[in-house]
């Protein structure tokens, strides 16, 4: 769906109340051509989770946890191995 909007004197454009409060990504494909996508904001402190290798490692860990039953941890044994 296309619509025509006017950019105001302050450089703003309204997309309508339907999108009020939404976070958007604006890509300038070329001068005067923009692609606007609604989406979720990723805080800088969490961006590392979305790096390809980290995301792959997390997916592998989730797959492993889905096929392996939890077991009780031998804390004394762990402490002995750490202190060696």
PDB file of N, CA and C in Angstrom:
ATOM      1  N   UNK A   1       0.845  -1.171   0.000  1.00  0.00           N
ATOM      2  CA  UNK A   1       0.000   0.000   0.000  1.00  0.00           C
ATOM      3  C   UNK A   1       0.893   1.238   0.000  1.00  0.00           C
ATOM      4  N   UNK A   2       0.616   2.134  -0.859  1.00  0.00           N
ATOM      5  CA  UNK A   2       1.374   3.380  -0.951  1.00  0.00           C
ATOM      6  C   UNK A   2       0.534   4.528  -0.428  1.00  0.00           C
ATOM      7  N   UNK A   3       1.209   5.516   0.102  1.00  0.00           N
ATOM      8  CA  UNK A   3       0.517   6.743   0.507  1.00  0.00           C
ATOM      9  C   UNK A   3       1.483   7.903   0.333  1.00  0.00           C
ATOM     10  N   UNK A   4       0.935   9.074   0.210  1.00  0.00           N
ATOM     11  CA  UNK A   4       1.751  10.272   0.044  1.00  0.00           C
ATOM     12  C   UNK A   4       1.696  11.062   1.352  1.00  0.00           C
ATOM     13  N   UNK A   5       2.873  11.404   1.867  1.00  0.00           N
ATOM     14  CA  UNK A   5       2.995  12.185   3.100  1.00  0.00           C
ATOM     15  C   UNK A   5       3.872  13.390   2.818  1.00  0.00           C
ATOM     16  N   UNK A   6       3.712  14.433   3.597  1.00  0.00           N
ATOM     17  CA  UNK A   6       4.543  15.621   3.475  1.00  0.00           C
ATOM     18  C   UNK A   6       5.480  15.690   4.667  1.00  0.00           C
ATOM     19  N   UNK A   7       6.756  15.898   4.384  1.00  0.00           N
ATOM     20  CA  UNK A   7       7.733  16.048   5.456  1.00  0.00           C
ATOM     21  C   UNK A   7       7.600  17.460   5.989  1.00  0.00           C
ATOM     22  N   UNK A   8       7.395  17.568   7.303  1.00  0.00           N
ATOM     23  CA  UNK A   8       7.184  18.870   7.935  1.00  0.00           C
ATOM     24  C   UNK A   8       8.455  19.695   7.996  1.00  0.00           C
ATOM     25  N   UNK A   9       8.309  20.950   8.414  1.00  0.00           N
ATOM     26  CA  UNK A   9       9.435  21.876   8.497  1.00  0.00           C
ATOM     27  C   UNK A   9      10.525  21.380   9.441  1.00  0.00           C
ATOM     28  N   UNK A  10      10.151  20.581  10.436  1.00  0.00           N
ATOM     29  CA  UNK A  10      11.146  20.059  11.381  1.00  0.00           C
ATOM     30  C   UNK A  10      11.791  18.768  10.874  1.00  0.00           C
ATOM     31  N   UNK A  11      11.422  18.318   9.691  1.00  0.00           N
ATOM     32  CA  UNK A  11      12.009  17.102   9.116  1.00  0.00           C
ATOM     33  C   UNK A  11      11.290  15.835   9.524  1.00  0.00           C
ATOM     34  N   UNK A  12      10.111  15.961  10.118  1.00  0.00           N
ATOM     35  CA  UNK A  12       9.377  14.784  10.578  1.00  0.00           C
ATOM     36  C   UNK A  12       8.285  14.392   9.606  1.00  0.00           C
ATOM     37  N   UNK A  13       7.955  13.112   9.646  1.00  0.00           N
ATOM     38  CA  UNK A  13       6.859  12.582   8.838  1.00  0.00           C
ATOM     39  C   UNK A  13       5.997  11.712   9.737  1.00  0.00           C
ATOM     40  N   UNK A  14       4.702  11.773   9.568  1.00  0.00           N
ATOM     41  CA  UNK A  14       3.789  10.972  10.385  1.00  0.00           C
ATOM     42  C   UNK A  14       3.364   9.737   9.604  1.00  0.00           C
ATOM     43  N   UNK A  15       3.424   8.599  10.272  1.00  0.00           N
ATOM     44  CA  UNK A  15       2.965   7.356   9.654  1.00  0.00           C
ATOM     45  C   UNK A  15       1.563   6.992  10.124  1.00  0.00           C
ATOM     46  N   UNK A  16       0.996   7.823  11.000  1.00  0.00           N
ATOM     47  CA  UNK A  16      -0.345   7.590  11.515  1.00  0.00           C
ATOM     48  C   UNK A  16      -0.325   7.029  12.924  1.00  0.00           C
ATOM     49  N   UNK A  17      -1.450   7.177  13.606  1.00  0.00           N
ATOM     50  CA  UNK A  17      -1.549   6.758  15.007  1.00  0.00           C
ATOM     51  C   UNK A  17      -1.369   5.259  15.171  1.00  0.00           C
ATOM     52  N   UNK A  18      -1.608   4.503  14.138  1.00  0.00           N
ATOM     53  CA  UNK A  18      -1.459   3.047  14.194  1.00  0.00           C
ATOM     54  C   UNK A  18      -0.038   2.663  14.635  1.00  0.00           C
ATOM     55  N   UNK A  19       0.934   3.479  14.284  1.00  0.00           N
ATOM     56  CA  UNK A  19       2.336   3.173  14.586  1.00  0.00           C
ATOM     57  C   UNK A  19       2.902   4.015  15.725  1.00  0.00           C
ATOM     58  N   UNK A  20       2.050   4.725  16.427  1.00  0.00           N
ATOM     59  CA  UNK A  20       2.510   5.571  17.533  1.00  0.00           C
ATOM     60  C   UNK A  20       3.251   4.728  18.566  1.00  0.00           C
ATOM     61  N   UNK A  21       4.431   5.164  18.946  1.00  0.00           N
ATOM     62  CA  UNK A  21       5.226   4.470  19.952  1.00  0.00           C
ATOM     63  C   UNK A  21       6.051   3.311  19.441  1.00  0.00           C
ATOM     64  N   UNK A  22       5.903   2.942  18.185  1.00  0.00           N
ATOM     65  CA  UNK A  22       6.666   1.834  17.607  1.00  0.00           C
ATOM     66  C   UNK A  22       8.105   2.252  17.344  1.00  0.00           C
ATOM     67  N   UNK A  23       9.013   1.303  17.450  1.00  0.00           N
ATOM     68  CA  UNK A  23      10.397   1.536  17.058  1.00  0.00           C
ATOM     69  C   UNK A  23      10.522   1.128  15.595  1.00  0.00           C
ATOM     70  N   UNK A  24      11.209   1.953  14.816  1.00  0.00           N
ATOM     71  CA  UNK A  24      11.355   1.645  13.399  1.00  0.00           C
ATOM     72  C   UNK A  24      12.822   1.700  12.990  1.00  0.00           C
ATOM     73  N   UNK A  25      13.136   0.923  11.993  1.00  0.00           N
ATOM     74  CA  UNK A  25      14.441   0.963  11.345  1.00  0.00           C
ATOM     75  C   UNK A  25      14.233   1.688  10.026  1.00  0.00           C
ATOM     76  N   UNK A  26      15.044   2.702   9.774  1.00  0.00           N
ATOM     77  CA  UNK A  26      14.931   3.455   8.520  1.00  0.00           C
ATOM     78  C   UNK A  26      16.234   3.273   7.755  1.00  0.00           C
ATOM     79  N   UNK A  27      16.129   2.677   6.590  1.00  0.00           N
ATOM     80  CA  UNK A  27      17.293   2.494   5.730  1.00  0.00           C
ATOM     81  C   UNK A  27      17.172   3.440   4.545  1.00  0.00           C
ATOM     82  N   UNK A  28      18.231   4.192   4.289  1.00  0.00           N
ATOM     83  CA  UNK A  28      18.233   5.040   3.101  1.00  0.00           C
ATOM     84  C   UNK A  28      18.894   4.245   1.991  1.00  0.00           C
ATOM     85  N   UNK A  29      18.089   3.741   1.072  1.00  0.00           N
ATOM     86  CA  UNK A  29      18.588   2.897  -0.006  1.00  0.00           C
ATOM     87  C   UNK A  29      19.385   3.693  -1.033  1.00  0.00           C
ATOM     88  N   UNK A  30      18.947   4.916  -1.254  1.00  0.00           N
ATOM     89  CA  UNK A  30      19.635   5.888  -2.101  1.00  0.00           C
ATOM     90  C   UNK A  30      19.043   7.241  -1.737  1.00  0.00           C
ATOM     91  N   UNK A  31      19.659   8.324  -2.140  1.00  0.00           N
ATOM     92  CA  UNK A  31      19.113   9.630  -1.751  1.00  0.00           C
ATOM     93  C   UNK A  31      17.632   9.756  -2.112  1.00  0.00           C
ATOM     94  N   UNK A  32      16.813  10.018  -1.098  1.00  0.00           N
ATOM     95  CA  UNK A  32      15.382  10.194  -1.314  1.00  0.00           C
ATOM     96  C   UNK A  32      14.569   8.910  -1.318  1.00  0.00           C
ATOM     97  N   UNK A  33      15.214   7.756  -1.123  1.00  0.00           N
ATOM     98  CA  UNK A  33      14.494   6.472  -1.106  1.00  0.00           C
ATOM     99  C   UNK A  33      14.749   5.809   0.239  1.00  0.00           C
ATOM    100  N   UNK A  34      13.692   5.650   1.024  1.00  0.00           N
ATOM    101  CA  UNK A  34      13.824   5.074   2.354  1.00  0.00           C
ATOM    102  C   UNK A  34      12.970   3.822   2.478  1.00  0.00           C
ATOM    103  N   UNK A  35      13.475   2.880   3.221  1.00  0.00           N
ATOM    104  CA  UNK A  35      12.729   1.680   3.569  1.00  0.00           C
ATOM    105  C   UNK A  35      12.508   1.750   5.076  1.00  0.00           C
ATOM    106  N   UNK A  36      11.246   1.715   5.498  1.00  0.00           N
ATOM    107  CA  UNK A  36      10.908   1.835   6.913  1.00  0.00           C
ATOM    108  C   UNK A  36      10.329   0.500   7.371  1.00  0.00           C
ATOM    109  N   UNK A  37      10.938  -0.073   8.436  1.00  0.00           N
ATOM    110  CA  UNK A  37      10.475  -1.348   8.979  1.00  0.00           C
ATOM    111  C   UNK A  37      10.225  -1.196  10.477  1.00  0.00           C
ATOM    112  N   UNK A  38       9.081  -1.692  10.944  1.00  0.00           N
ATOM    113  CA  UNK A  38       8.855  -1.732  12.389  1.00  0.00           C
ATOM    114  C   UNK A  38       9.620  -2.926  12.940  1.00  0.00           C
ATOM    115  N   UNK A  39      10.023  -2.821  14.196  1.00  0.00           N
ATOM    116  CA  UNK A  39      10.768  -3.926  14.772  1.00  0.00           C
ATOM    117  C   UNK A  39      10.985  -3.739  16.255  1.00  0.00           C
ATOM    118  N   UNK A  40      11.820  -4.602  16.793  1.00  0.00           N
ATOM    119  CA  UNK A  40      12.163  -4.545  18.214  1.00  0.00           C
ATOM    120  C   UNK A  40      13.559  -3.980  18.359  1.00  0.00           C
ATOM    121  N   UNK A  41      13.738  -3.247  19.408  1.00  0.00           N
ATOM    122  CA  UNK A  41      15.021  -2.627  19.694  1.00  0.00           C
ATOM    123  C   UNK A  41      15.888  -3.600  20.483  1.00  0.00           C
ATOM    124  N   UNK A  42      17.142  -3.730  20.097  1.00  0.00           N
ATOM    125  CA  UNK A  42      18.088  -4.567  20.823  1.00  0.00           C
ATOM    126  C   UNK A  42      19.058  -3.642  21.550  1.00  0.00           C
ATOM    127  N   UNK A  43      19.060  -3.676  22.881  1.00  0.00           N
ATOM    128  CA  UNK A  43      19.994  -2.825  23.624  1.00  0.00           C
ATOM    129  C   UNK A  43      21.445  -3.164  23.282  1.00  0.00           C
ATOM    130  N   UNK A  44      22.317  -2.172  23.324  1.00  0.00           N
ATOM    131  CA  UNK A  44      23.734  -2.395  23.016  1.00  0.00           C
ATOM    132  C   UNK A  44      24.309  -3.516  23.872  1.00  0.00           C
ATOM    133  N   UNK A  45      23.904  -3.579  25.133  1.00  0.00           N
ATOM    134  CA  UNK A  45      24.453  -4.586  26.040  1.00  0.00           C
ATOM    135  C   UNK A  45      24.033  -6.007  25.683  1.00  0.00           C
ATOM    136  N   UNK A  46      23.025  -6.158  24.806  1.00  0.00           N
ATOM    137  CA  UNK A  46      22.563  -7.482  24.402  1.00  0.00           C
ATOM    138  C   UNK A  46      22.875  -7.790  22.945  1.00  0.00           C
ATOM    139  N   UNK A  47      23.474  -6.861  22.241  1.00  0.00           N
ATOM    140  CA  UNK A  47      23.731  -7.047  20.810  1.00  0.00           C
ATOM    141  C   UNK A  47      24.665  -8.224  20.547  1.00  0.00           C
ATOM    142  N   UNK A  48      25.574  -8.494  21.474  1.00  0.00           N
ATOM    143  CA  UNK A  48      26.521  -9.610  21.286  1.00  0.00           C
ATOM    144  C   UNK A  48      25.794 -10.944  21.134  1.00  0.00           C
ATOM    145  N   UNK A  49      24.597 -11.051  21.701  1.00  0.00           N
ATOM    146  CA  UNK A  49      23.835 -12.295  21.595  1.00  0.00           C
ATOM    147  C   UNK A  49      23.383 -12.581  20.167  1.00  0.00           C
ATOM    148  N   UNK A  50      23.385 -11.561  19.336  1.00  0.00           N
ATOM    149  CA  UNK A  50      22.890 -11.704  17.977  1.00  0.00           C
ATOM    150  C   UNK A  50      24.013 -11.840  16.947  1.00  0.00           C
ATOM    151  N   UNK A  51      25.253 -11.926  17.420  1.00  0.00           N
ATOM    152  CA  UNK A  51      26.365 -12.171  16.504  1.00  0.00           C
ATOM    153  C   UNK A  51      26.251 -13.615  16.020  1.00  0.00           C
ATOM    154  N   UNK A  52      26.563 -13.878  14.761  1.00  0.00           N
ATOM    155  CA  UNK A  52      26.344 -15.212  14.191  1.00  0.00           C
ATOM    156  C   UNK A  52      26.933 -16.363  15.015  1.00  0.00           C
ATOM    157  N   UNK A  53      28.171 -16.260  15.455  1.00  0.00           N
ATOM    158  CA  UNK A  53      28.781 -17.372  16.187  1.00  0.00           C
ATOM    159  C   UNK A  53      28.115 -17.581  17.541  1.00  0.00           C
ATOM    160  N   UNK A  54      27.785 -16.500  18.221  1.00  0.00           N
ATOM    161  CA  UNK A  54      27.126 -16.603  19.528  1.00  0.00           C
ATOM    162  C   UNK A  54      25.739 -17.211  19.357  1.00  0.00           C
ATOM    163  N   UNK A  55      24.996 -16.742  18.367  1.00  0.00           N
ATOM    164  CA  UNK A  55      23.659 -17.273  18.117  1.00  0.00           C
ATOM    165  C   UNK A  55      23.735 -18.767  17.801  1.00  0.00           C
ATOM    166  N   UNK A  56      24.729 -19.169  17.021  1.00  0.00           N
ATOM    167  CA  UNK A  56      24.916 -20.585  16.685  1.00  0.00           C
ATOM    168  C   UNK A  56      25.238 -21.397  17.943  1.00  0.00           C
ATOM    169  N   UNK A  57      26.127 -20.877  18.787  1.00  0.00           N
ATOM    170  CA  UNK A  57      26.481 -21.568  20.034  1.00  0.00           C
ATOM    171  C   UNK A  57      25.268 -21.707  20.946  1.00  0.00           C
ATOM    172  N   UNK A  58      24.455 -20.659  21.038  1.00  0.00           N
ATOM    173  CA  UNK A  58      23.252 -20.719  21.873  1.00  0.00           C
ATOM    174  C   UNK A  58      22.255 -21.746  21.336  1.00  0.00           C
ATOM    175  N   UNK A  59      22.092 -21.783  20.015  1.00  0.00           N
ATOM    176  CA  UNK A  59      21.188 -22.771  19.417  1.00  0.00           C
ATOM    177  C   UNK A  59      21.673 -24.188  19.706  1.00  0.00           C
ATOM    178  N   UNK A  60      22.984 -24.399  19.625  1.00  0.00           N
ATOM    179  CA  UNK A  60      23.553 -25.717  19.918  1.00  0.00           C
ATOM    180  C   UNK A  60      23.304 -26.089  21.384  1.00  0.00           C
ATOM    181  N   UNK A  61      23.476 -25.131  22.287  1.00  0.00           N
ATOM    182  CA  UNK A  61      23.245 -25.393  23.712  1.00  0.00           C
ATOM    183  C   UNK A  61      21.775 -25.740  23.971  1.00  0.00           C
ATOM    184  N   UNK A  62      20.876 -25.054  23.315  1.00  0.00           N
ATOM    185  CA  UNK A  62      19.453 -25.346  23.485  1.00  0.00           C
ATOM    186  C   UNK A  62      19.139 -26.740  22.963  1.00  0.00           C
ATOM    187  N   UNK A  63      19.674 -27.086  21.780  1.00  0.00           N
ATOM    188  CA  UNK A  63      19.456 -28.442  21.232  1.00  0.00           C
ATOM    189  C   UNK A  63      19.973 -29.497  22.201  1.00  0.00           C
ATOM    190  N   UNK A  64      21.175 -29.268  22.764  1.00  0.00           N
ATOM    191  CA  UNK A  64      21.757 -30.219  23.706  1.00  0.00           C
ATOM    192  C   UNK A  64      20.848 -30.375  24.919  1.00  0.00           C
ATOM    193  N   UNK A  65      20.350 -29.261  25.452  1.00  0.00           N
ATOM    194  CA  UNK A  65      19.507 -29.321  26.656  1.00  0.00           C
ATOM    195  C   UNK A  65      18.183 -30.023  26.387  1.00  0.00           C
ATOM    196  N   UNK A  66      17.729 -29.994  25.152  1.00  0.00           N
ATOM    197  CA  UNK A  66      16.467 -30.662  24.805  1.00  0.00           C
ATOM    198  C   UNK A  66      16.623 -32.173  24.721  1.00  0.00           C
ATOM    199  N   UNK A  67      17.839 -32.658  24.526  1.00  0.00           N
ATOM    200  CA  UNK A  67      18.056 -34.095  24.370  1.00  0.00           C
ATOM    201  C   UNK A  67      18.804 -34.718  25.543  1.00  0.00           C
ATOM    202  N   UNK A  68      19.188 -33.922  26.529  1.00  0.00           N
ATOM    203  CA  UNK A  68      19.913 -34.434  27.692  1.00  0.00           C
ATOM    204  C   UNK A  68      19.162 -34.058  28.964  1.00  0.00           C
ATOM    205  N   UNK A  69      18.906 -35.079  29.767  1.00  0.00           N
ATOM    206  CA  UNK A  69      18.205 -34.856  31.030  1.00  0.00           C
ATOM    207  C   UNK A  69      19.114 -34.142  32.026  1.00  0.00           C
ATOM    208  N   UNK A  70      18.564 -33.272  32.855  1.00  0.00           N
ATOM    209  CA  UNK A  70      19.382 -32.632  33.884  1.00  0.00           C
ATOM    210  C   UNK A  70      19.844 -33.680  34.909  1.00  0.00           C
ATOM    211  N   UNK A  71      20.985 -33.437  35.477  1.00  0.00           N
ATOM    212  CA  UNK A  71      21.490 -34.329  36.522  1.00  0.00           C
ATOM    213  C   UNK A  71      22.035 -33.485  37.666  1.00  0.00           C
ATOM    214  N   UNK A  72      22.125 -34.093  38.823  1.00  0.00           N
ATOM    215  CA  UNK A  72      22.612 -33.381  39.994  1.00  0.00           C
ATOM    216  C   UNK A  72      24.108 -33.111  39.845  1.00  0.00           C
ATOM    217  N   UNK A  73      24.527 -31.925  40.217  1.00  0.00           N
ATOM    218  CA  UNK A  73      25.929 -31.536  40.106  1.00  0.00           C
ATOM    219  C   UNK A  73      26.695 -31.940  41.358  1.00  0.00           C
ATOM    220  N   UNK A  74      27.867 -32.520  41.159  1.00  0.00           N
ATOM    221  CA  UNK A  74      28.744 -32.896  42.269  1.00  0.00           C
ATOM    222  C   UNK A  74      29.616 -31.686  42.589  1.00  0.00           C
ATOM    223  N   UNK A  75      29.125 -30.820  43.473  1.00  0.00           N
ATOM    224  CA  UNK A  75      29.836 -29.582  43.785  1.00  0.00           C
ATOM    225  C   UNK A  75      31.179 -29.842  44.456  1.00  0.00           C
ATOM    226  N   UNK A  76      31.239 -30.868  45.326  1.00  0.00           N
ATOM    227  CA  UNK A  76      32.509 -31.191  45.984  1.00  0.00           C
ATOM    228  C   UNK A  76      33.541 -31.626  44.954  1.00  0.00           C
ATOM    229  N   UNK A  77      33.120 -32.445  44.012  1.00  0.00           N
ATOM    230  CA  UNK A  77      34.032 -32.898  42.962  1.00  0.00           C
ATOM    231  C   UNK A  77      34.509 -31.743  42.099  1.00  0.00           C
ATOM    232  N   UNK A  78      33.614 -30.805  41.813  1.00  0.00           N
ATOM    233  CA  UNK A  78      34.002 -29.630  41.019  1.00  0.00           C
ATOM    234  C   UNK A  78      35.027 -28.796  41.775  1.00  0.00           C
ATOM    235  N   UNK A  79      34.792 -28.602  43.062  1.00  0.00           N
ATOM    236  CA  UNK A  79      35.710 -27.808  43.877  1.00  0.00           C
ATOM    237  C   UNK A  79      37.088 -28.458  43.903  1.00  0.00           C
ATOM    238  N   UNK A  80      37.118 -29.799  44.017  1.00  0.00           N
ATOM    239  CA  UNK A  80      38.398 -30.518  44.028  1.00  0.00           C
ATOM    240  C   UNK A  80      39.142 -30.307  42.704  1.00  0.00           C
ATOM    241  N   UNK A  81      38.421 -30.375  41.585  1.00  0.00           N
ATOM    242  CA  UNK A  81      39.071 -30.200  40.275  1.00  0.00           C
ATOM    243  C   UNK A  81      39.576 -28.774  40.100  1.00  0.00           C
ATOM    244  N   UNK A  82      38.844 -27.796  40.594  1.00  0.00           N
ATOM    245  CA  UNK A  82      39.246 -26.390  40.475  1.00  0.00           C
ATOM    246  C   UNK A  82      40.499 -26.121  41.306  1.00  0.00           C
ATOM    247  N   UNK A  83      40.564 -26.693  42.481  1.00  0.00           N
ATOM    248  CA  UNK A  83      41.671 -26.427  43.396  1.00  0.00           C
ATOM    249  C   UNK A  83      42.939 -27.202  43.082  1.00  0.00           C
ATOM    250  N   UNK A  84      42.950 -28.031  42.082  1.00  0.00           N
ATOM    251  CA  UNK A  84      44.154 -28.795  41.727  1.00  0.00           C
ATOM    252  C   UNK A  84      45.143 -27.943  40.984  1.00  0.00           C
TER     253      UNK A  84
END
